């Protein structure tokens, strides 16, 4: 399973160590942690269920907030595709849409880093055409998350509580 973990820029080493320490405490003694090609974002390969890791991070943060000094946001990844609108749309149609219930509402979040060819709203408009479910931008049941990281794209279908951020947890 994979995660994208955001960290404070310039803190790659400490963030990498922190992620390894946290995952070790959760039971994964040998996660693979590497650079994403975008400053401030790690790609983490873990043997654990990525959503379970996010839930455990939220629990750990409530009990021990000082454990999260550098690894500030944890996002599960369901799959990867090329940085190509048609490939992204195909992945959403084939792998994401079947997992959105007929009565579920959804919203889309696109984080693009290193792709200035399209405006975010144009990307959302194009990709959303593949999803024939009711949209709810305020309180969706599911979030289609698209993270564009230079040449690769991570796509996930998440519930609103399946992302952990120390900033949101601090509120």
C-alpha atoms as a PDB file:
ATOM      1  CA  UNK A   1       0.000   0.000   0.000  1.00  0.00           C
ATOM      2  CA  UNK A   2       1.171   3.516  -0.642  1.00  0.00           C
ATOM      3  CA  UNK A   3       0.865   6.910   0.980  1.00  0.00           C
ATOM      4  CA  UNK A   4       1.848  10.434   0.080  1.00  0.00           C
ATOM      5  CA  UNK A   5       3.303  12.176   3.096  1.00  0.00           C
ATOM      6  CA  UNK A   6       3.822  15.934   3.051  1.00  0.00           C
ATOM      7  CA  UNK A   7       6.660  17.409   5.043  1.00  0.00           C
ATOM      8  CA  UNK A   8       8.158  20.808   5.668  1.00  0.00           C
ATOM      9  CA  UNK A   9      10.412  21.778   2.797  1.00  0.00           C
ATOM     10  CA  UNK A  10      14.053  21.301   3.538  1.00  0.00           C
ATOM     11  CA  UNK A  11      13.285  18.594   6.104  1.00  0.00           C
ATOM     12  CA  UNK A  12      13.502  15.473   3.918  1.00  0.00           C
ATOM     13  CA  UNK A  13      15.879  13.595   6.228  1.00  0.00           C
ATOM     14  CA  UNK A  14      14.049  14.271   9.492  1.00  0.00           C
ATOM     15  CA  UNK A  15      10.660  13.608   7.839  1.00  0.00           C
ATOM     16  CA  UNK A  16      11.891  10.324   6.374  1.00  0.00           C
ATOM     17  CA  UNK A  17      13.167   9.231   9.790  1.00  0.00           C
ATOM     18  CA  UNK A  18       9.935  10.294  11.466  1.00  0.00           C
ATOM     19  CA  UNK A  19       7.787   8.341   8.993  1.00  0.00           C
ATOM     20  CA  UNK A  20       9.971   5.247   9.461  1.00  0.00           C
ATOM     21  CA  UNK A  21       9.743   5.580  13.252  1.00  0.00           C
ATOM     22  CA  UNK A  22       5.953   6.027  13.207  1.00  0.00           C
ATOM     23  CA  UNK A  23       5.394   3.099  10.837  1.00  0.00           C
ATOM     24  CA  UNK A  24       7.775   0.998  12.923  1.00  0.00           C
ATOM     25  CA  UNK A  25       5.651   1.689  15.993  1.00  0.00           C
ATOM     26  CA  UNK A  26       2.578   0.638  14.002  1.00  0.00           C
ATOM     27  CA  UNK A  27       4.224  -2.659  12.989  1.00  0.00           C
ATOM     28  CA  UNK A  28       5.943  -2.041   9.644  1.00  0.00           C
ATOM     29  CA  UNK A  29       9.655  -2.366  10.361  1.00  0.00           C
ATOM     30  CA  UNK A  30      10.734  -1.956   6.739  1.00  0.00           C
ATOM     31  CA  UNK A  31       8.699   0.647   4.865  1.00  0.00           C
ATOM     32  CA  UNK A  32      10.214   2.004   1.659  1.00  0.00           C
ATOM     33  CA  UNK A  33      10.293   5.782   1.798  1.00  0.00           C
ATOM     34  CA  UNK A  34      11.473   7.907  -1.097  1.00  0.00           C
ATOM     35  CA  UNK A  35      11.242  11.228  -2.815  1.00  0.00           C
ATOM     36  CA  UNK A  36       8.282  11.914  -5.071  1.00  0.00           C
ATOM     37  CA  UNK A  37      10.124  14.267  -7.401  1.00  0.00           C
ATOM     38  CA  UNK A  38       8.272  17.177  -5.799  1.00  0.00           C
ATOM     39  CA  UNK A  39       9.804  19.047  -2.854  1.00  0.00           C
ATOM     40  CA  UNK A  40       7.880  18.453   0.339  1.00  0.00           C
ATOM     41  CA  UNK A  41       6.253  15.122  -0.588  1.00  0.00           C
ATOM     42  CA  UNK A  42       7.405  11.593   0.215  1.00  0.00           C
ATOM     43  CA  UNK A  43       6.105   8.410  -1.403  1.00  0.00           C
ATOM     44  CA  UNK A  44       5.783   5.702   1.225  1.00  0.00           C
ATOM     45  CA  UNK A  45       5.363   2.000   0.441  1.00  0.00           C
ATOM     46  CA  UNK A  46       4.108   0.084   3.460  1.00  0.00           C
ATOM     47  CA  UNK A  47       3.031  -3.479   4.098  1.00  0.00           C
ATOM     48  CA  UNK A  48       0.138  -2.094   6.139  1.00  0.00           C
ATOM     49  CA  UNK A  49      -3.283  -0.981   4.946  1.00  0.00           C
ATOM     50  CA  UNK A  50      -2.813   2.696   4.094  1.00  0.00           C
ATOM     51  CA  UNK A  51      -6.161   3.780   5.517  1.00  0.00           C
ATOM     52  CA  UNK A  52      -5.402   1.942   8.752  1.00  0.00           C
ATOM     53  CA  UNK A  53      -2.098   3.855   8.921  1.00  0.00           C
ATOM     54  CA  UNK A  54      -3.952   7.172   8.529  1.00  0.00           C
ATOM     55  CA  UNK A  55      -6.412   6.252  11.294  1.00  0.00           C
ATOM     56  CA  UNK A  56      -3.532   5.217  13.567  1.00  0.00           C
ATOM     57  CA  UNK A  57      -1.762   8.529  12.838  1.00  0.00           C
ATOM     58  CA  UNK A  58      -4.844  10.438  14.001  1.00  0.00           C
ATOM     59  CA  UNK A  59      -4.990   8.341  17.190  1.00  0.00           C
ATOM     60  CA  UNK A  60      -1.257   8.731  17.833  1.00  0.00           C
ATOM     61  CA  UNK A  61      -1.451  12.489  17.254  1.00  0.00           C
ATOM     62  CA  UNK A  62      -4.192  12.865  19.868  1.00  0.00           C
ATOM     63  CA  UNK A  63      -2.082  10.939  22.399  1.00  0.00           C
ATOM     64  CA  UNK A  64       1.349  12.226  21.388  1.00  0.00           C
ATOM     65  CA  UNK A  65       1.274  15.312  19.119  1.00  0.00           C
ATOM     66  CA  UNK A  66       5.031  15.822  19.457  1.00  0.00           C
ATOM     67  CA  UNK A  67       5.553  12.604  17.441  1.00  0.00           C
ATOM     68  CA  UNK A  68       4.550  14.554  14.313  1.00  0.00           C
ATOM     69  CA  UNK A  69       7.046  17.346  13.837  1.00  0.00           C
ATOM     70  CA  UNK A  70       7.933  16.862  10.164  1.00  0.00           C
ATOM     71  CA  UNK A  71       5.424  14.425   8.585  1.00  0.00           C
ATOM     72  CA  UNK A  72       2.481  16.797   8.529  1.00  0.00           C
ATOM     73  CA  UNK A  73      -0.063  15.240   6.130  1.00  0.00           C
ATOM     74  CA  UNK A  74      -0.726  11.587   5.235  1.00  0.00           C
ATOM     75  CA  UNK A  75      -2.811  10.661   2.159  1.00  0.00           C
ATOM     76  CA  UNK A  76      -3.611   7.077   1.049  1.00  0.00           C
ATOM     77  CA  UNK A  77      -2.980   6.251  -2.629  1.00  0.00           C
ATOM     78  CA  UNK A  78      -5.146   3.734  -4.476  1.00  0.00           C
ATOM     79  CA  UNK A  79      -3.277   3.752  -7.783  1.00  0.00           C
ATOM     80  CA  UNK A  80      -0.950   5.519 -10.176  1.00  0.00           C
ATOM     81  CA  UNK A  81      -1.188   6.515 -13.810  1.00  0.00           C
ATOM     82  CA  UNK A  82       0.668   8.640 -16.333  1.00  0.00           C
ATOM     83  CA  UNK A  83       0.291  12.416 -16.386  1.00  0.00           C
ATOM     84  CA  UNK A  84      -2.225  12.314 -19.204  1.00  0.00           C
ATOM     85  CA  UNK A  85      -5.828  13.474 -18.968  1.00  0.00           C
ATOM     86  CA  UNK A  86      -7.166  10.472 -20.876  1.00  0.00           C
ATOM     87  CA  UNK A  87      -5.221   8.005 -18.696  1.00  0.00           C
ATOM     88  CA  UNK A  88      -6.483   9.755 -15.574  1.00  0.00           C
ATOM     89  CA  UNK A  89     -10.070   9.707 -16.791  1.00  0.00           C
ATOM     90  CA  UNK A  90      -9.806   6.046 -17.783  1.00  0.00           C
ATOM     91  CA  UNK A  91      -8.487   5.130 -14.330  1.00  0.00           C
ATOM     92  CA  UNK A  92     -11.290   7.066 -12.640  1.00  0.00           C
ATOM     93  CA  UNK A  93     -13.912   5.416 -14.831  1.00  0.00           C
ATOM     94  CA  UNK A  94     -12.538   1.879 -14.434  1.00  0.00           C
ATOM     95  CA  UNK A  95     -11.222   1.849 -10.853  1.00  0.00           C
ATOM     96  CA  UNK A  96     -12.857   4.706  -8.946  1.00  0.00           C
ATOM     97  CA  UNK A  97     -16.411   5.009 -10.281  1.00  0.00           C
ATOM     98  CA  UNK A  98     -17.370   1.383  -9.471  1.00  0.00           C
ATOM     99  CA  UNK A  99     -16.496   2.076  -5.814  1.00  0.00           C
ATOM    100  CA  UNK A 100     -18.794   5.113  -5.506  1.00  0.00           C
ATOM    101  CA  UNK A 101     -22.220   3.911  -4.420  1.00  0.00           C
ATOM    102  CA  UNK A 102     -25.245   4.860  -6.494  1.00  0.00           C
ATOM    103  CA  UNK A 103     -26.526   7.023  -3.614  1.00  0.00           C
ATOM    104  CA  UNK A 104     -23.138   8.385  -2.551  1.00  0.00           C
ATOM    105  CA  UNK A 105     -22.272  12.010  -3.156  1.00  0.00           C
ATOM    106  CA  UNK A 106     -18.778  12.969  -4.183  1.00  0.00           C
ATOM    107  CA  UNK A 107     -16.396  15.846  -4.760  1.00  0.00           C
ATOM    108  CA  UNK A 108     -13.025  16.047  -6.473  1.00  0.00           C
ATOM    109  CA  UNK A 109      -9.805  17.519  -5.174  1.00  0.00           C
ATOM    110  CA  UNK A 110      -6.903  18.038  -7.562  1.00  0.00           C
ATOM    111  CA  UNK A 111      -3.438  18.924  -6.295  1.00  0.00           C
ATOM    112  CA  UNK A 112      -1.163  19.660  -9.214  1.00  0.00           C
ATOM    113  CA  UNK A 113       2.515  20.161  -8.802  1.00  0.00           C
ATOM    114  CA  UNK A 114       4.690  20.588 -11.842  1.00  0.00           C
ATOM    115  CA  UNK A 115       1.950  20.659 -14.506  1.00  0.00           C
ATOM    116  CA  UNK A 116       1.060  24.099 -15.720  1.00  0.00           C
ATOM    117  CA  UNK A 117      -0.480  22.978 -19.020  1.00  0.00           C
ATOM    118  CA  UNK A 118      -4.038  22.996 -17.649  1.00  0.00           C
ATOM    119  CA  UNK A 119      -5.884  24.991 -15.029  1.00  0.00           C
ATOM    120  CA  UNK A 120      -7.164  22.948 -12.073  1.00  0.00           C
ATOM    121  CA  UNK A 121     -10.813  23.671 -12.925  1.00  0.00           C
ATOM    122  CA  UNK A 122     -10.248  22.391 -16.489  1.00  0.00           C
ATOM    123  CA  UNK A 123      -8.775  19.152 -15.137  1.00  0.00           C
ATOM    124  CA  UNK A 124     -11.675  18.691 -12.715  1.00  0.00           C
ATOM    125  CA  UNK A 125     -14.252  19.427 -15.402  1.00  0.00           C
ATOM    126  CA  UNK A 126     -12.719  16.862 -17.780  1.00  0.00           C
ATOM    127  CA  UNK A 127     -12.287  14.118 -15.166  1.00  0.00           C
ATOM    128  CA  UNK A 128     -15.707  14.687 -13.575  1.00  0.00           C
ATOM    129  CA  UNK A 129     -17.424  13.807 -16.840  1.00  0.00           C
ATOM    130  CA  UNK A 130     -16.535  10.162 -16.103  1.00  0.00           C
ATOM    131  CA  UNK A 131     -18.517  10.120 -12.835  1.00  0.00           C
ATOM    132  CA  UNK A 132     -22.299   9.927 -13.091  1.00  0.00           C
ATOM    133  CA  UNK A 133     -23.082  10.400  -9.411  1.00  0.00           C
ATOM    134  CA  UNK A 134     -24.460  13.340  -7.438  1.00  0.00           C
ATOM    135  CA  UNK A 135     -21.891  16.007  -6.544  1.00  0.00           C
ATOM    136  CA  UNK A 136     -21.782  17.566  -3.071  1.00  0.00           C
ATOM    137  CA  UNK A 137     -18.961  20.063  -2.647  1.00  0.00           C
ATOM    138  CA  UNK A 138     -19.694  20.823   1.022  1.00  0.00           C
ATOM    139  CA  UNK A 139     -20.128  17.414   2.686  1.00  0.00           C
ATOM    140  CA  UNK A 140     -19.443  14.642   0.161  1.00  0.00           C
ATOM    141  CA  UNK A 141     -19.585  10.977   1.109  1.00  0.00           C
ATOM    142  CA  UNK A 142     -16.513  10.321  -1.031  1.00  0.00           C
ATOM    143  CA  UNK A 143     -13.624  12.410  -2.353  1.00  0.00           C
ATOM    144  CA  UNK A 144     -11.881  11.641  -5.606  1.00  0.00           C
ATOM    145  CA  UNK A 145      -8.371  12.883  -4.944  1.00  0.00           C
ATOM    146  CA  UNK A 146      -5.929  13.443  -7.800  1.00  0.00           C
ATOM    147  CA  UNK A 147      -2.317  14.304  -6.924  1.00  0.00           C
ATOM    148  CA  UNK A 148      -0.229  15.304  -9.937  1.00  0.00           C
ATOM    149  CA  UNK A 149       3.452  14.947  -9.064  1.00  0.00           C
ATOM    150  CA  UNK A 150       5.474  16.029 -12.088  1.00  0.00           C
ATOM    151  CA  UNK A 151       5.184  12.994 -14.424  1.00  0.00           C
ATOM    152  CA  UNK A 152       3.097  10.678 -12.249  1.00  0.00           C
ATOM    153  CA  UNK A 153      -0.448  10.909 -10.948  1.00  0.00           C
ATOM    154  CA  UNK A 154      -1.731   9.343  -7.731  1.00  0.00           C
ATOM    155  CA  UNK A 155      -5.483   8.777  -7.580  1.00  0.00           C
ATOM    156  CA  UNK A 156      -7.536   7.840  -4.531  1.00  0.00           C
ATOM    157  CA  UNK A 157     -11.159   7.478  -3.538  1.00  0.00           C
ATOM    158  CA  UNK A 158     -11.395   8.605   0.077  1.00  0.00           C
ATOM    159  CA  UNK A 159     -13.889   9.231   2.804  1.00  0.00           C
ATOM    160  CA  UNK A 160     -13.466  12.696   4.323  1.00  0.00           C
ATOM    161  CA  UNK A 161     -11.757  11.241   7.415  1.00  0.00           C
ATOM    162  CA  UNK A 162      -9.208   9.186   5.466  1.00  0.00           C
ATOM    163  CA  UNK A 163      -6.592  11.956   5.257  1.00  0.00           C
ATOM    164  CA  UNK A 164      -4.578  12.874   8.316  1.00  0.00           C
ATOM    165  CA  UNK A 165      -3.217  16.407   8.684  1.00  0.00           C
ATOM    166  CA  UNK A 166      -1.699  17.818  11.844  1.00  0.00           C
ATOM    167  CA  UNK A 167      -3.166  21.206  10.896  1.00  0.00           C
ATOM    168  CA  UNK A 168      -6.721  19.851  10.714  1.00  0.00           C
ATOM    169  CA  UNK A 169      -6.210  17.740  13.847  1.00  0.00           C
ATOM    170  CA  UNK A 170      -5.043  20.804  15.791  1.00  0.00           C
ATOM    171  CA  UNK A 171      -8.308  22.657  15.250  1.00  0.00           C
END
